[in-house]
């Protein structure tokens, strides 16, 4: 399992939202690149970055902050938010983004996801954000009629590298991951699933390392890291130990 520290960008700053509400954004760092460097020093192997303004606008809005992160760290970065056409996707790839996350366009334009995955094998993920069991789009501002399982199964044969599943109701409120729903999605598709939304403590990390969660390929952690509720070294040590012992 890979633990991804999250950097959510709003107006060039590192913030965390509560249940996807842009009006309830808390600033944690004015310098996202410095935050990324801290995560690299702590031993993380990936970064998860979201252009929140871009997710609402439908096009990149925090390119300068992302560029600064890429210049500061050597970690691979997966990026989501406002990636809805090939021109935008190719531009990010040319800058060194290791994996792009397509969210709204996965619902609105599935052919784009398929073409992106064909042109960039292993570098395209689908972001599935669910509210009351239904997929949310446009920066979580709208809810579609599609379920997470239906959307995931749409891309079974597309060559998508991963699905990032977020339970919006739990995002940013430190109530714990929705393991049940994440596992249901992981069991419904053959694509690796990364859990997001609500990871609150080292106990959540240990829960994901249990045998019944073996289908979950990773988890994203945000607010719990910023608040100090999770010691990154303890979490990474637990993951390394589980890998060593074969759990």
C-alpha atoms as a PDB file:
ATOM      1  CA  UNK A   1       0.000   0.000   0.000  1.00  0.00           C
ATOM      2  CA  UNK A   2       1.171   3.511  -0.866  1.00  0.00           C
ATOM      3  CA  UNK A   3       0.345   6.439   1.409  1.00  0.00           C
ATOM      4  CA  UNK A   4      -0.081   9.674  -0.540  1.00  0.00           C
ATOM      5  CA  UNK A   5       0.220  13.011   1.295  1.00  0.00           C
ATOM      6  CA  UNK A   6      -2.199  15.533  -0.184  1.00  0.00           C
ATOM      7  CA  UNK A   7      -1.525  19.082  -1.279  1.00  0.00           C
ATOM      8  CA  UNK A   8      -4.747  20.851  -2.230  1.00  0.00           C
ATOM      9  CA  UNK A   9      -4.179  24.170  -3.965  1.00  0.00           C
ATOM     10  CA  UNK A  10      -6.445  27.199  -3.675  1.00  0.00           C
ATOM     11  CA  UNK A  11      -5.245  30.602  -4.859  1.00  0.00           C
ATOM     12  CA  UNK A  12      -1.650  29.382  -4.738  1.00  0.00           C
ATOM     13  CA  UNK A  13      -1.839  28.173  -1.152  1.00  0.00           C
ATOM     14  CA  UNK A  14      -1.956  24.760   0.463  1.00  0.00           C
ATOM     15  CA  UNK A  15      -5.413  24.306   2.010  1.00  0.00           C
ATOM     16  CA  UNK A  16      -7.818  21.657   3.219  1.00  0.00           C
ATOM     17  CA  UNK A  17     -11.546  21.760   2.574  1.00  0.00           C
ATOM     18  CA  UNK A  18     -14.379  20.354   4.661  1.00  0.00           C
ATOM     19  CA  UNK A  19     -16.621  18.044   2.615  1.00  0.00           C
ATOM     20  CA  UNK A  20     -15.534  19.742  -0.598  1.00  0.00           C
ATOM     21  CA  UNK A  21     -16.833  23.183   0.424  1.00  0.00           C
ATOM     22  CA  UNK A  22     -14.576  25.906  -0.992  1.00  0.00           C
ATOM     23  CA  UNK A  23     -16.029  28.367   1.516  1.00  0.00           C
ATOM     24  CA  UNK A  24     -14.699  26.197   4.336  1.00  0.00           C
ATOM     25  CA  UNK A  25     -11.057  26.158   3.271  1.00  0.00           C
ATOM     26  CA  UNK A  26      -8.366  26.290   5.937  1.00  0.00           C
ATOM     27  CA  UNK A  27      -4.924  27.493   4.897  1.00  0.00           C
ATOM     28  CA  UNK A  28      -2.110  25.256   6.151  1.00  0.00           C
ATOM     29  CA  UNK A  29       0.840  26.576   4.190  1.00  0.00           C
ATOM     30  CA  UNK A  30       1.389  29.636   1.994  1.00  0.00           C
ATOM     31  CA  UNK A  31       4.234  27.801   0.249  1.00  0.00           C
ATOM     32  CA  UNK A  32       3.067  24.522  -1.345  1.00  0.00           C
ATOM     33  CA  UNK A  33       6.557  23.760  -2.671  1.00  0.00           C
ATOM     34  CA  UNK A  34       7.982  23.954   0.852  1.00  0.00           C
ATOM     35  CA  UNK A  35       5.194  21.651   2.022  1.00  0.00           C
ATOM     36  CA  UNK A  36       6.049  19.189  -0.740  1.00  0.00           C
ATOM     37  CA  UNK A  37       9.703  19.287   0.307  1.00  0.00           C
ATOM     38  CA  UNK A  38       8.677  18.502   3.891  1.00  0.00           C
ATOM     39  CA  UNK A  39       6.722  15.472   2.709  1.00  0.00           C
ATOM     40  CA  UNK A  40       9.721  14.290   0.696  1.00  0.00           C
ATOM     41  CA  UNK A  41      11.979  14.652   3.744  1.00  0.00           C
ATOM     42  CA  UNK A  42       9.502  12.650   5.829  1.00  0.00           C
ATOM     43  CA  UNK A  43       9.960   9.689   3.500  1.00  0.00           C
ATOM     44  CA  UNK A  44       6.851   9.623   1.335  1.00  0.00           C
ATOM     45  CA  UNK A  45       7.253   8.050  -2.102  1.00  0.00           C
ATOM     46  CA  UNK A  46       4.497   9.975  -3.948  1.00  0.00           C
ATOM     47  CA  UNK A  47       2.644  13.294  -3.789  1.00  0.00           C
ATOM     48  CA  UNK A  48      -1.061  13.796  -4.439  1.00  0.00           C
ATOM     49  CA  UNK A  49      -1.799  17.316  -5.690  1.00  0.00           C
ATOM     50  CA  UNK A  50      -5.186  18.834  -6.541  1.00  0.00           C
ATOM     51  CA  UNK A  51      -5.831  22.156  -8.257  1.00  0.00           C
ATOM     52  CA  UNK A  52      -9.079  22.991  -6.447  1.00  0.00           C
ATOM     53  CA  UNK A  53      -9.675  26.212  -8.354  1.00  0.00           C
ATOM     54  CA  UNK A  54      -9.047  24.307 -11.570  1.00  0.00           C
ATOM     55  CA  UNK A  55     -11.605  21.664 -10.646  1.00  0.00           C
ATOM     56  CA  UNK A  56     -14.301  24.340 -10.448  1.00  0.00           C
ATOM     57  CA  UNK A  57     -13.068  26.352 -13.447  1.00  0.00           C
ATOM     58  CA  UNK A  58     -12.546  23.370 -15.738  1.00  0.00           C
ATOM     59  CA  UNK A  59      -9.005  24.428 -16.556  1.00  0.00           C
ATOM     60  CA  UNK A  60      -5.731  24.852 -14.615  1.00  0.00           C
ATOM     61  CA  UNK A  61      -5.669  27.705 -12.114  1.00  0.00           C
ATOM     62  CA  UNK A  62      -2.649  26.896  -9.933  1.00  0.00           C
ATOM     63  CA  UNK A  63      -0.014  26.113 -12.554  1.00  0.00           C
ATOM     64  CA  UNK A  64       2.629  28.306 -10.909  1.00  0.00           C
ATOM     65  CA  UNK A  65       2.271  26.447  -7.595  1.00  0.00           C
ATOM     66  CA  UNK A  66       2.431  23.067  -9.337  1.00  0.00           C
ATOM     67  CA  UNK A  67       5.494  24.159 -11.310  1.00  0.00           C
ATOM     68  CA  UNK A  68       7.170  25.202  -8.053  1.00  0.00           C
ATOM     69  CA  UNK A  69       6.430  21.808  -6.498  1.00  0.00           C
ATOM     70  CA  UNK A  70       7.868  19.973  -9.501  1.00  0.00           C
ATOM     71  CA  UNK A  71      11.003  22.115  -9.354  1.00  0.00           C
ATOM     72  CA  UNK A  72      11.468  21.517  -5.624  1.00  0.00           C
ATOM     73  CA  UNK A  73      11.050  17.748  -5.224  1.00  0.00           C
ATOM     74  CA  UNK A  74      12.036  14.577  -7.049  1.00  0.00           C
ATOM     75  CA  UNK A  75       8.987  12.606  -5.906  1.00  0.00           C
ATOM     76  CA  UNK A  76       6.498  11.484  -8.555  1.00  0.00           C
ATOM     77  CA  UNK A  77       3.398  13.684  -8.489  1.00  0.00           C
ATOM     78  CA  UNK A  78      -0.154  12.694  -9.347  1.00  0.00           C
ATOM     79  CA  UNK A  79      -2.274  15.722 -10.223  1.00  0.00           C
ATOM     80  CA  UNK A  80      -5.991  16.334 -10.554  1.00  0.00           C
ATOM     81  CA  UNK A  81      -8.255  19.325 -11.039  1.00  0.00           C
ATOM     82  CA  UNK A  82      -9.391  20.888 -14.307  1.00  0.00           C
ATOM     83  CA  UNK A  83      -7.882  18.282 -16.654  1.00  0.00           C
ATOM     84  CA  UNK A  84     -10.629  17.947 -19.243  1.00  0.00           C
ATOM     85  CA  UNK A  85      -8.923  17.919 -22.634  1.00  0.00           C
ATOM     86  CA  UNK A  86      -5.841  16.412 -24.252  1.00  0.00           C
ATOM     87  CA  UNK A  87      -4.062  19.749 -24.620  1.00  0.00           C
ATOM     88  CA  UNK A  88      -4.148  20.298 -20.852  1.00  0.00           C
ATOM     89  CA  UNK A  89      -3.180  16.705 -20.119  1.00  0.00           C
ATOM     90  CA  UNK A  90      -0.249  16.763 -22.547  1.00  0.00           C
ATOM     91  CA  UNK A  91       0.960  20.053 -21.102  1.00  0.00           C
ATOM     92  CA  UNK A  92       1.120  18.593 -17.601  1.00  0.00           C
ATOM     93  CA  UNK A  93       2.838  15.459 -18.852  1.00  0.00           C
ATOM     94  CA  UNK A  94       5.469  17.562 -20.603  1.00  0.00           C
ATOM     95  CA  UNK A  95       6.196  19.306 -17.308  1.00  0.00           C
ATOM     96  CA  UNK A  96       6.901  16.019 -15.548  1.00  0.00           C
ATOM     97  CA  UNK A  97       3.634  15.067 -13.873  1.00  0.00           C
ATOM     98  CA  UNK A  98       3.837  11.306 -13.300  1.00  0.00           C
ATOM     99  CA  UNK A  99       0.093  10.633 -13.290  1.00  0.00           C
ATOM    100  CA  UNK A 100      -2.920  12.765 -14.122  1.00  0.00           C
ATOM    101  CA  UNK A 101      -6.295  12.311 -12.472  1.00  0.00           C
ATOM    102  CA  UNK A 102      -9.391  12.769 -14.624  1.00  0.00           C
ATOM    103  CA  UNK A 103     -12.586  13.353 -12.674  1.00  0.00           C
ATOM    104  CA  UNK A 104     -15.433  15.318 -14.240  1.00  0.00           C
ATOM    105  CA  UNK A 105     -14.385  14.396 -17.779  1.00  0.00           C
ATOM    106  CA  UNK A 106     -14.579  10.705 -16.867  1.00  0.00           C
ATOM    107  CA  UNK A 107     -18.336  11.206 -16.553  1.00  0.00           C
ATOM    108  CA  UNK A 108     -18.818  13.779 -19.307  1.00  0.00           C
ATOM    109  CA  UNK A 109     -16.320  12.499 -21.886  1.00  0.00           C
ATOM    110  CA  UNK A 110     -15.287   8.854 -21.351  1.00  0.00           C
ATOM    111  CA  UNK A 111     -13.713   8.733 -24.828  1.00  0.00           C
ATOM    112  CA  UNK A 112     -11.181  11.302 -23.630  1.00  0.00           C
ATOM    113  CA  UNK A 113     -10.152   9.032 -20.750  1.00  0.00           C
ATOM    114  CA  UNK A 114      -9.728   6.079 -23.084  1.00  0.00           C
ATOM    115  CA  UNK A 115      -7.625   8.077 -25.545  1.00  0.00           C
ATOM    116  CA  UNK A 116      -5.524   9.558 -22.729  1.00  0.00           C
ATOM    117  CA  UNK A 117      -4.861   6.114 -21.262  1.00  0.00           C
ATOM    118  CA  UNK A 118      -3.914   4.809 -24.701  1.00  0.00           C
ATOM    119  CA  UNK A 119      -1.473   7.643 -25.368  1.00  0.00           C
ATOM    120  CA  UNK A 120      -0.046   7.698 -21.834  1.00  0.00           C
ATOM    121  CA  UNK A 121      -0.097   4.088 -20.568  1.00  0.00           C
ATOM    122  CA  UNK A 122       0.205   3.778 -16.802  1.00  0.00           C
ATOM    123  CA  UNK A 123      -0.106   7.523 -16.302  1.00  0.00           C
ATOM    124  CA  UNK A 124      -3.858   8.165 -16.234  1.00  0.00           C
ATOM    125  CA  UNK A 125      -6.078   7.704 -13.186  1.00  0.00           C
ATOM    126  CA  UNK A 126      -9.801   8.249 -12.801  1.00  0.00           C
ATOM    127  CA  UNK A 127     -11.016  10.238  -9.823  1.00  0.00           C
ATOM    128  CA  UNK A 128     -14.365   9.019  -8.517  1.00  0.00           C
ATOM    129  CA  UNK A 129     -15.836  11.338  -5.896  1.00  0.00           C
ATOM    130  CA  UNK A 130     -19.066  10.071  -4.359  1.00  0.00           C
ATOM    131  CA  UNK A 131     -21.797  11.917  -2.499  1.00  0.00           C
ATOM    132  CA  UNK A 132     -24.614   9.785  -1.071  1.00  0.00           C
ATOM    133  CA  UNK A 133     -23.494   6.934  -3.304  1.00  0.00           C
ATOM    134  CA  UNK A 134     -23.562   8.997  -6.509  1.00  0.00           C
ATOM    135  CA  UNK A 135     -20.648  10.388  -8.489  1.00  0.00           C
ATOM    136  CA  UNK A 136     -20.077  14.127  -8.014  1.00  0.00           C
ATOM    137  CA  UNK A 137     -18.555  16.348 -10.712  1.00  0.00           C
ATOM    138  CA  UNK A 138     -17.511  19.968 -11.359  1.00  0.00           C
ATOM    139  CA  UNK A 139     -15.399  20.204  -8.212  1.00  0.00           C
ATOM    140  CA  UNK A 140     -18.084  18.287  -6.284  1.00  0.00           C
ATOM    141  CA  UNK A 141     -20.597  21.050  -7.014  1.00  0.00           C
ATOM    142  CA  UNK A 142     -22.931  18.728  -8.964  1.00  0.00           C
ATOM    143  CA  UNK A 143     -24.067  15.140  -8.470  1.00  0.00           C
ATOM    144  CA  UNK A 144     -24.660  12.766 -11.369  1.00  0.00           C
ATOM    145  CA  UNK A 145     -26.978   9.761 -11.520  1.00  0.00           C
ATOM    146  CA  UNK A 146     -24.078   7.318 -11.875  1.00  0.00           C
ATOM    147  CA  UNK A 147     -22.739   5.116  -9.065  1.00  0.00           C
ATOM    148  CA  UNK A 148     -19.038   4.704  -8.343  1.00  0.00           C
ATOM    149  CA  UNK A 149     -19.135   1.064  -9.427  1.00  0.00           C
ATOM    150  CA  UNK A 150     -20.810   1.933 -12.735  1.00  0.00           C
ATOM    151  CA  UNK A 151     -18.212   4.589 -13.510  1.00  0.00           C
ATOM    152  CA  UNK A 152     -15.304   2.339 -12.538  1.00  0.00           C
ATOM    153  CA  UNK A 153     -16.570  -0.527 -14.672  1.00  0.00           C
ATOM    154  CA  UNK A 154     -16.846   1.815 -17.654  1.00  0.00           C
ATOM    155  CA  UNK A 155     -13.039   1.897 -17.809  1.00  0.00           C
ATOM    156  CA  UNK A 156     -12.207  -1.745 -17.057  1.00  0.00           C
ATOM    157  CA  UNK A 157     -10.670  -2.290 -20.492  1.00  0.00           C
ATOM    158  CA  UNK A 158      -9.251   1.225 -20.986  1.00  0.00           C
ATOM    159  CA  UNK A 159      -5.824   0.767 -19.415  1.00  0.00           C
ATOM    160  CA  UNK A 160      -6.481   3.159 -16.534  1.00  0.00           C
ATOM    161  CA  UNK A 161      -3.686   2.962 -13.948  1.00  0.00           C
ATOM    162  CA  UNK A 162      -5.801   3.586 -10.848  1.00  0.00           C
ATOM    163  CA  UNK A 163      -9.097   4.808  -9.453  1.00  0.00           C
ATOM    164  CA  UNK A 164      -8.996   7.360  -6.651  1.00  0.00           C
ATOM    165  CA  UNK A 165     -12.194   6.996  -4.646  1.00  0.00           C
ATOM    166  CA  UNK A 166     -13.246   9.821  -2.349  1.00  0.00           C
ATOM    167  CA  UNK A 167     -16.187   9.776   0.023  1.00  0.00           C
ATOM    168  CA  UNK A 168     -17.072  13.472   0.017  1.00  0.00           C
ATOM    169  CA  UNK A 169     -19.112  13.234   3.206  1.00  0.00           C
ATOM    170  CA  UNK A 170     -15.977  12.212   5.105  1.00  0.00           C
ATOM    171  CA  UNK A 171     -13.438  14.427   3.384  1.00  0.00           C
ATOM    172  CA  UNK A 172     -11.724  16.841   5.745  1.00  0.00           C
ATOM    173  CA  UNK A 173     -13.702  15.933   8.861  1.00  0.00           C
ATOM    174  CA  UNK A 174     -11.395  13.230  10.278  1.00  0.00           C
ATOM    175  CA  UNK A 175     -14.113  10.607  10.747  1.00  0.00           C
ATOM    176  CA  UNK A 176     -12.145   7.741   9.231  1.00  0.00           C
ATOM    177  CA  UNK A 177     -12.127   6.246   5.752  1.00  0.00           C
ATOM    178  CA  UNK A 178     -15.224   4.641   4.316  1.00  0.00           C
ATOM    179  CA  UNK A 179     -13.538   1.253   4.086  1.00  0.00           C
ATOM    180  CA  UNK A 180     -16.770  -0.581   3.275  1.00  0.00           C
ATOM    181  CA  UNK A 181     -17.579   1.497   0.187  1.00  0.00           C
ATOM    182  CA  UNK A 182     -13.955   1.576  -0.951  1.00  0.00           C
ATOM    183  CA  UNK A 183     -13.719  -2.194  -0.728  1.00  0.00           C
ATOM    184  CA  UNK A 184     -17.024  -2.569  -2.590  1.00  0.00           C
ATOM    185  CA  UNK A 185     -15.573  -0.567  -5.468  1.00  0.00           C
ATOM    186  CA  UNK A 186     -12.266  -2.466  -5.357  1.00  0.00           C
ATOM    187  CA  UNK A 187     -14.182  -5.738  -5.564  1.00  0.00           C
ATOM    188  CA  UNK A 188     -16.293  -4.493  -8.485  1.00  0.00           C
ATOM    189  CA  UNK A 189     -13.351  -3.561 -10.732  1.00  0.00           C
ATOM    190  CA  UNK A 190      -9.945  -4.923 -11.683  1.00  0.00           C
ATOM    191  CA  UNK A 191      -8.354  -1.458 -11.599  1.00  0.00           C
ATOM    192  CA  UNK A 192      -6.285  -0.631  -8.474  1.00  0.00           C
ATOM    193  CA  UNK A 193      -8.282   1.555  -6.073  1.00  0.00           C
ATOM    194  CA  UNK A 194      -6.809   4.289  -3.867  1.00  0.00           C
ATOM    195  CA  UNK A 195      -8.872   5.375  -0.855  1.00  0.00           C
ATOM    196  CA  UNK A 196      -9.442   9.037  -0.029  1.00  0.00           C
ATOM    197  CA  UNK A 197     -11.540  11.103   2.334  1.00  0.00           C
ATOM    198  CA  UNK A 198     -11.525  10.968   6.130  1.00  0.00           C
ATOM    199  CA  UNK A 199      -8.263   9.207   7.014  1.00  0.00           C
ATOM    200  CA  UNK A 200      -7.846  10.402  10.581  1.00  0.00           C
ATOM    201  CA  UNK A 201      -5.323   8.376  12.554  1.00  0.00           C
ATOM    202  CA  UNK A 202      -2.683   5.659  12.567  1.00  0.00           C
ATOM    203  CA  UNK A 203      -5.525   3.252  13.339  1.00  0.00           C
ATOM    204  CA  UNK A 204      -6.910   3.931   9.854  1.00  0.00           C
ATOM    205  CA  UNK A 205      -3.537   3.038   8.375  1.00  0.00           C
ATOM    206  CA  UNK A 206      -3.433  -0.198  10.381  1.00  0.00           C
ATOM    207  CA  UNK A 207      -6.979  -0.976   9.230  1.00  0.00           C
ATOM    208  CA  UNK A 208      -5.933  -0.691   5.596  1.00  0.00           C
ATOM    209  CA  UNK A 209      -3.063  -3.094   6.241  1.00  0.00           C
ATOM    210  CA  UNK A 210      -5.411  -5.889   7.339  1.00  0.00           C
ATOM    211  CA  UNK A 211      -5.729  -8.856   4.947  1.00  0.00           C
ATOM    212  CA  UNK A 212      -9.313  -8.038   3.958  1.00  0.00           C
ATOM    213  CA  UNK A 213      -8.123  -4.666   2.598  1.00  0.00           C
ATOM    214  CA  UNK A 214      -5.488  -6.184   0.323  1.00  0.00           C
ATOM    215  CA  UNK A 215      -7.409  -4.990  -2.737  1.00  0.00           C
ATOM    216  CA  UNK A 216      -6.921  -1.342  -1.726  1.00  0.00           C
ATOM    217  CA  UNK A 217      -3.743  -0.136  -3.414  1.00  0.00           C
ATOM    218  CA  UNK A 218      -3.194   3.016  -1.401  1.00  0.00           C
ATOM    219  CA  UNK A 219      -4.675   5.851   0.607  1.00  0.00           C
ATOM    220  CA  UNK A 220      -4.523   9.639   0.557  1.00  0.00           C
ATOM    221  CA  UNK A 221      -4.037  11.569   3.757  1.00  0.00           C
ATOM    222  CA  UNK A 222      -4.416  15.290   4.172  1.00  0.00           C
ATOM    223  CA  UNK A 223      -5.778  17.052   7.205  1.00  0.00           C
ATOM    224  CA  UNK A 224      -4.597  14.409   9.668  1.00  0.00           C
ATOM    225  CA  UNK A 225      -1.016  15.052   8.555  1.00  0.00           C
ATOM    226  CA  UNK A 226      -1.354  18.810   8.815  1.00  0.00           C
ATOM    227  CA  UNK A 227      -3.017  18.606  12.221  1.00  0.00           C
ATOM    228  CA  UNK A 228      -0.380  16.228  13.549  1.00  0.00           C
ATOM    229  CA  UNK A 229      -2.896  13.452  14.157  1.00  0.00           C
ATOM    230  CA  UNK A 230      -0.725  11.095  12.129  1.00  0.00           C
ATOM    231  CA  UNK A 231       3.004  10.754  12.627  1.00  0.00           C
ATOM    232  CA  UNK A 232       4.232  10.230   9.050  1.00  0.00           C
ATOM    233  CA  UNK A 233       7.244   8.192  10.106  1.00  0.00           C
ATOM    234  CA  UNK A 234       5.095   5.866  12.232  1.00  0.00           C
ATOM    235  CA  UNK A 235       2.627   5.408   9.372  1.00  0.00           C
ATOM    236  CA  UNK A 236       5.350   4.694   6.821  1.00  0.00           C
ATOM    237  CA  UNK A 237       7.074   2.329   9.240  1.00  0.00           C
ATOM    238  CA  UNK A 238       3.841   0.366   9.688  1.00  0.00           C
ATOM    239  CA  UNK A 239       3.437   0.072   5.921  1.00  0.00           C
ATOM    240  CA  UNK A 240       7.045  -1.039   5.456  1.00  0.00           C
ATOM    241  CA  UNK A 241       6.679  -3.617   8.228  1.00  0.00           C
ATOM    242  CA  UNK A 242       3.500  -4.997   6.679  1.00  0.00           C
ATOM    243  CA  UNK A 243       5.264  -5.304   3.344  1.00  0.00           C
ATOM    244  CA  UNK A 244       8.266  -7.023   4.958  1.00  0.00           C
ATOM    245  CA  UNK A 245       6.125  -9.589   6.762  1.00  0.00           C
ATOM    246  CA  UNK A 246       3.856 -10.154   3.786  1.00  0.00           C
ATOM    247  CA  UNK A 247       0.692  -8.827   5.358  1.00  0.00           C
END
